[in-house]
Amino acid sequence: MENNRPHSFIPREPRFPSREEAKKAGYFSRSYETSVPQTYAKHSFAHQEKRKISAELCAEQRAKRSPKEQLDFLDYCIGKGKGARRERDRLNKMIKEARG
């Protein structure tokens, strides 16, 4: 026996040589072609709106806090002296300027 593989491993010609010919033969339905992109677009728009609302809410809350309160808030959220170095420098500068 020259070939020990079962006959199912013999390479076969594809049923449709190209995607265009498969479409012509009706292998793909119109709903299959458009359902995924439409669903993605719908979900991405909803996600974008949620993020926009969340950003507006955070901006409103931030505007109500003083520089000292914002610094305390950063310490509470990410730890004392950790991260947001530029923001902390800016807030400390504002606090010093307010003192005189």
N, C-alpha and C. Protein backbone atom coordinates (compact mmCIF):
# COMPACT_ATOMS: atom_id res chain seq x y z
N MET A 1 0.84 -1.19 0.00
CA MET A 1 0.00 0.00 0.00
C MET A 1 0.87 1.24 0.00
N GLU A 2 0.67 2.06 -0.97
CA GLU A 2 1.45 3.27 -1.06
C GLU A 2 0.92 4.35 -0.12
N ASN A 3 -0.38 4.47 0.00
CA ASN A 3 -0.99 5.51 0.81
C ASN A 3 -1.77 4.85 1.94
N ASN A 4 -1.35 5.07 3.20
CA ASN A 4 -2.01 4.44 4.33
C ASN A 4 -3.21 5.25 4.84
N ARG A 5 -3.41 6.44 4.31
CA ARG A 5 -4.52 7.28 4.79
C ARG A 5 -5.85 6.78 4.23
N PRO A 6 -6.88 6.96 5.02
CA PRO A 6 -8.21 6.60 4.50
C PRO A 6 -8.61 7.53 3.35
N HIS A 7 -9.54 7.11 2.56
CA HIS A 7 -9.92 7.87 1.38
C HIS A 7 -10.50 9.24 1.72
N SER A 8 -10.94 9.49 2.96
CA SER A 8 -11.53 10.79 3.31
C SER A 8 -10.49 11.90 3.33
N PHE A 9 -9.21 11.53 3.37
CA PHE A 9 -8.16 12.54 3.40
C PHE A 9 -7.69 12.94 2.00
N ILE A 10 -8.25 12.34 0.99
CA ILE A 10 -7.87 12.68 -0.38
C ILE A 10 -8.40 14.09 -0.65
N PRO A 11 -7.54 15.01 -1.10
CA PRO A 11 -8.01 16.37 -1.35
C PRO A 11 -9.09 16.39 -2.41
N ARG A 12 -10.12 17.15 -2.15
CA ARG A 12 -11.24 17.26 -3.09
C ARG A 12 -11.32 18.69 -3.60
N GLU A 13 -11.94 18.84 -4.73
CA GLU A 13 -12.17 20.17 -5.25
C GLU A 13 -13.25 20.83 -4.40
N PRO A 14 -13.09 22.13 -4.19
CA PRO A 14 -14.14 22.81 -3.40
C PRO A 14 -15.47 22.79 -4.13
N ARG A 15 -16.53 22.84 -3.37
CA ARG A 15 -17.85 22.80 -3.96
C ARG A 15 -18.07 23.99 -4.88
N PHE A 16 -17.63 25.17 -4.45
CA PHE A 16 -17.67 26.38 -5.26
C PHE A 16 -16.26 26.93 -5.33
N PRO A 17 -15.71 27.12 -6.51
CA PRO A 17 -14.33 27.58 -6.63
C PRO A 17 -14.09 28.96 -6.03
N SER A 18 -15.09 29.84 -6.02
CA SER A 18 -14.88 31.17 -5.46
C SER A 18 -16.12 31.61 -4.68
N ARG A 19 -15.94 32.61 -3.87
CA ARG A 19 -17.05 33.14 -3.07
C ARG A 19 -18.14 33.75 -3.97
N GLU A 20 -17.71 34.39 -5.06
CA GLU A 20 -18.68 35.01 -5.97
C GLU A 20 -19.59 33.96 -6.61
N GLU A 21 -18.99 32.84 -7.01
CA GLU A 21 -19.80 31.79 -7.61
C GLU A 21 -20.72 31.15 -6.58
N ALA A 22 -20.27 31.08 -5.34
CA ALA A 22 -21.12 30.54 -4.29
C ALA A 22 -22.31 31.45 -4.06
N LYS A 23 -22.09 32.77 -4.12
CA LYS A 23 -23.20 33.72 -3.96
C LYS A 23 -24.20 33.57 -5.11
N LYS A 24 -23.67 33.42 -6.33
CA LYS A 24 -24.55 33.27 -7.49
C LYS A 24 -25.40 32.01 -7.36
N ALA A 25 -24.84 30.98 -6.78
CA ALA A 25 -25.57 29.72 -6.63
C ALA A 25 -26.56 29.76 -5.47
N GLY A 26 -26.57 30.88 -4.70
CA GLY A 26 -27.51 31.00 -3.60
C GLY A 26 -27.04 30.34 -2.33
N TYR A 27 -25.75 30.09 -2.20
CA TYR A 27 -25.23 29.43 -1.02
C TYR A 27 -25.32 30.34 0.21
N PHE A 28 -25.17 31.65 0.01
CA PHE A 28 -25.27 32.60 1.11
C PHE A 28 -26.59 33.35 1.01
N SER A 29 -27.21 33.55 2.13
CA SER A 29 -28.45 34.32 2.12
C SER A 29 -28.14 35.78 2.41
N ARG A 30 -29.03 36.65 2.05
CA ARG A 30 -28.84 38.09 2.28
C ARG A 30 -28.77 38.39 3.77
N SER A 31 -29.59 37.75 4.57
CA SER A 31 -29.59 38.00 6.02
C SER A 31 -28.25 37.60 6.64
N TYR A 32 -27.63 36.55 6.12
CA TYR A 32 -26.34 36.12 6.65
C TYR A 32 -25.27 37.19 6.37
N GLU A 33 -25.34 37.81 5.18
CA GLU A 33 -24.34 38.79 4.81
C GLU A 33 -24.44 40.07 5.63
N THR A 34 -25.63 40.47 6.04
CA THR A 34 -25.81 41.76 6.70
C THR A 34 -26.06 41.68 8.20
N SER A 35 -26.38 40.52 8.72
CA SER A 35 -26.79 40.46 10.12
C SER A 35 -25.66 40.83 11.08
N VAL A 36 -24.46 40.34 10.86
CA VAL A 36 -23.35 40.61 11.78
C VAL A 36 -22.95 42.08 11.77
N PRO A 37 -22.72 42.70 10.61
CA PRO A 37 -22.36 44.12 10.63
C PRO A 37 -23.45 45.00 11.24
N GLN A 38 -24.72 44.71 10.95
CA GLN A 38 -25.80 45.52 11.52
C GLN A 38 -25.85 45.37 13.03
N THR A 39 -25.70 44.15 13.52
CA THR A 39 -25.72 43.92 14.96
C THR A 39 -24.56 44.64 15.61
N TYR A 40 -23.38 44.57 15.01
CA TYR A 40 -22.22 45.24 15.57
C TYR A 40 -22.43 46.75 15.62
N ALA A 41 -22.97 47.31 14.55
CA ALA A 41 -23.20 48.75 14.50
C ALA A 41 -24.20 49.17 15.56
N LYS A 42 -25.26 48.38 15.75
CA LYS A 42 -26.28 48.70 16.74
C LYS A 42 -25.68 48.69 18.14
N HIS A 43 -24.89 47.67 18.45
CA HIS A 43 -24.29 47.56 19.78
C HIS A 43 -23.23 48.64 19.99
N SER A 44 -22.48 48.95 18.97
CA SER A 44 -21.42 49.93 19.13
C SER A 44 -22.02 51.31 19.37
N PHE A 45 -23.14 51.65 18.72
CA PHE A 45 -23.79 52.94 18.94
C PHE A 45 -24.33 53.03 20.36
N ALA A 46 -24.95 51.96 20.85
CA ALA A 46 -25.47 51.96 22.22
C ALA A 46 -24.33 52.11 23.22
N HIS A 47 -23.23 51.42 22.97
CA HIS A 47 -22.07 51.50 23.86
C HIS A 47 -21.51 52.92 23.85
N GLN A 48 -21.47 53.54 22.68
CA GLN A 48 -20.96 54.90 22.55
C GLN A 48 -21.83 55.87 23.33
N GLU A 49 -23.14 55.71 23.27
CA GLU A 49 -24.05 56.58 24.01
C GLU A 49 -23.88 56.41 25.52
N LYS A 50 -23.72 55.17 25.98
CA LYS A 50 -23.52 54.93 27.41
C LYS A 50 -22.23 55.59 27.90
N ARG A 51 -21.17 55.49 27.10
CA ARG A 51 -19.90 56.11 27.48
C ARG A 51 -20.01 57.63 27.51
N LYS A 52 -20.76 58.19 26.57
CA LYS A 52 -20.94 59.64 26.52
C LYS A 52 -21.68 60.13 27.75
N ILE A 53 -22.74 59.45 28.13
CA ILE A 53 -23.50 59.81 29.32
C ILE A 53 -22.64 59.68 30.57
N SER A 54 -21.88 58.60 30.65
CA SER A 54 -21.00 58.38 31.80
C SER A 54 -19.95 59.48 31.89
N ALA A 55 -19.38 59.89 30.76
CA ALA A 55 -18.37 60.94 30.76
C ALA A 55 -18.96 62.27 31.21
N GLU A 56 -20.18 62.57 30.77
CA GLU A 56 -20.83 63.81 31.18
C GLU A 56 -21.10 63.82 32.69
N LEU A 57 -21.54 62.68 33.20
CA LEU A 57 -21.80 62.57 34.64
C LEU A 57 -20.52 62.76 35.45
N CYS A 58 -19.43 62.13 35.00
CA CYS A 58 -18.14 62.28 35.70
C CYS A 58 -17.66 63.72 35.65
N ALA A 59 -17.86 64.39 34.52
CA ALA A 59 -17.43 65.79 34.39
C ALA A 59 -18.22 66.69 35.34
N GLU A 60 -19.52 66.42 35.46
CA GLU A 60 -20.34 67.20 36.39
C GLU A 60 -19.87 67.01 37.83
N GLN A 61 -19.63 65.77 38.20
CA GLN A 61 -19.17 65.49 39.56
C GLN A 61 -17.81 66.10 39.82
N ARG A 62 -16.93 66.05 38.83
CA ARG A 62 -15.58 66.62 38.97
C ARG A 62 -15.65 68.13 39.15
N ALA A 63 -16.55 68.77 38.41
CA ALA A 63 -16.69 70.23 38.48
C ALA A 63 -17.14 70.69 39.87
N LYS A 64 -17.86 69.85 40.57
CA LYS A 64 -18.35 70.20 41.92
C LYS A 64 -17.27 70.09 42.99
N ARG A 65 -16.20 69.34 42.72
CA ARG A 65 -15.15 69.13 43.72
C ARG A 65 -14.09 70.22 43.65
N SER A 66 -13.58 70.59 44.82
CA SER A 66 -12.46 71.53 44.89
C SER A 66 -11.17 70.76 44.57
N PRO A 67 -10.04 71.48 44.33
CA PRO A 67 -8.78 70.77 44.06
C PRO A 67 -8.38 69.83 45.21
N LYS A 68 -8.60 70.25 46.45
CA LYS A 68 -8.26 69.40 47.60
C LYS A 68 -9.14 68.15 47.63
N GLU A 69 -10.43 68.34 47.37
CA GLU A 69 -11.35 67.20 47.34
C GLU A 69 -10.99 66.24 46.19
N GLN A 70 -10.59 66.80 45.05
CA GLN A 70 -10.21 65.96 43.91
C GLN A 70 -8.95 65.16 44.24
N LEU A 71 -8.01 65.79 44.92
CA LEU A 71 -6.78 65.09 45.32
C LEU A 71 -7.11 63.96 46.29
N ASP A 72 -7.99 64.23 47.24
CA ASP A 72 -8.43 63.18 48.18
C ASP A 72 -9.15 62.05 47.43
N PHE A 73 -9.94 62.42 46.43
CA PHE A 73 -10.67 61.43 45.63
C PHE A 73 -9.69 60.53 44.87
N LEU A 74 -8.63 61.13 44.29
CA LEU A 74 -7.62 60.32 43.60
C LEU A 74 -6.92 59.38 44.58
N ASP A 75 -6.61 59.88 45.77
CA ASP A 75 -5.98 59.02 46.79
C ASP A 75 -6.88 57.85 47.14
N TYR A 76 -8.17 58.12 47.25
CA TYR A 76 -9.13 57.07 47.60
C TYR A 76 -9.26 56.05 46.47
N CYS A 77 -9.33 56.52 45.22
CA CYS A 77 -9.58 55.62 44.08
C CYS A 77 -8.37 54.77 43.71
N ILE A 78 -7.19 55.38 43.58
CA ILE A 78 -6.04 54.63 43.08
C ILE A 78 -4.90 54.50 44.07
N GLY A 79 -5.06 55.08 45.23
CA GLY A 79 -4.04 54.95 46.27
C GLY A 79 -3.25 56.24 46.45
N LYS A 80 -2.78 56.44 47.65
CA LYS A 80 -2.07 57.67 47.99
C LYS A 80 -0.74 57.75 47.23
N GLY A 81 -0.60 58.79 46.42
CA GLY A 81 0.62 59.01 45.67
C GLY A 81 0.84 58.09 44.48
N LYS A 82 -0.15 57.28 44.12
CA LYS A 82 0.00 56.34 43.00
C LYS A 82 -0.72 56.86 41.76
N GLY A 83 -0.04 56.87 40.64
CA GLY A 83 -0.66 57.22 39.37
C GLY A 83 -1.09 58.67 39.27
N ALA A 84 -1.54 59.08 38.09
CA ALA A 84 -2.05 60.42 37.81
C ALA A 84 -1.08 61.50 38.29
N ARG A 85 0.19 61.33 37.97
CA ARG A 85 1.22 62.26 38.46
C ARG A 85 0.97 63.68 37.99
N ARG A 86 0.68 63.85 36.71
CA ARG A 86 0.45 65.20 36.17
C ARG A 86 -0.78 65.84 36.79
N GLU A 87 -1.83 65.07 36.95
CA GLU A 87 -3.05 65.58 37.58
C GLU A 87 -2.77 66.00 39.02
N ARG A 88 -2.01 65.19 39.74
CA ARG A 88 -1.66 65.52 41.13
C ARG A 88 -0.80 66.78 41.19
N ASP A 89 0.16 66.91 40.28
CA ASP A 89 1.00 68.12 40.24
C ASP A 89 0.15 69.36 39.98
N ARG A 90 -0.77 69.25 39.03
CA ARG A 90 -1.65 70.37 38.70
C ARG A 90 -2.53 70.76 39.88
N LEU A 91 -3.09 69.75 40.56
CA LEU A 91 -3.95 70.02 41.72
C LEU A 91 -3.15 70.64 42.87
N ASN A 92 -1.94 70.12 43.13
CA ASN A 92 -1.10 70.68 44.20
C ASN A 92 -0.74 72.14 43.89
N LYS A 93 -0.47 72.43 42.62
CA LYS A 93 -0.15 73.80 42.22
C LYS A 93 -1.35 74.72 42.46
N MET A 94 -2.56 74.24 42.12
CA MET A 94 -3.77 75.03 42.35
C MET A 94 -4.00 75.27 43.83
N ILE A 95 -3.72 74.27 44.66
CA ILE A 95 -3.91 74.40 46.12
C ILE A 95 -2.93 75.44 46.66
N LYS A 96 -1.68 75.38 46.23
CA LYS A 96 -0.66 76.34 46.69
C LYS A 96 -1.03 77.77 46.27
N GLU A 97 -1.52 77.93 45.03
CA GLU A 97 -1.91 79.25 44.56
C GLU A 97 -3.10 79.81 45.34
N ALA A 98 -4.01 78.93 45.74
CA ALA A 98 -5.18 79.37 46.50
C ALA A 98 -4.78 79.82 47.91
N ARG A 99 -3.75 79.21 48.47
CA ARG A 99 -3.31 79.59 49.83
C ARG A 99 -2.63 80.96 49.82
N GLY A 100 -2.00 81.31 48.76
CA GLY A 100 -1.43 82.64 48.73
C GLY A 100 -0.08 82.65 48.24
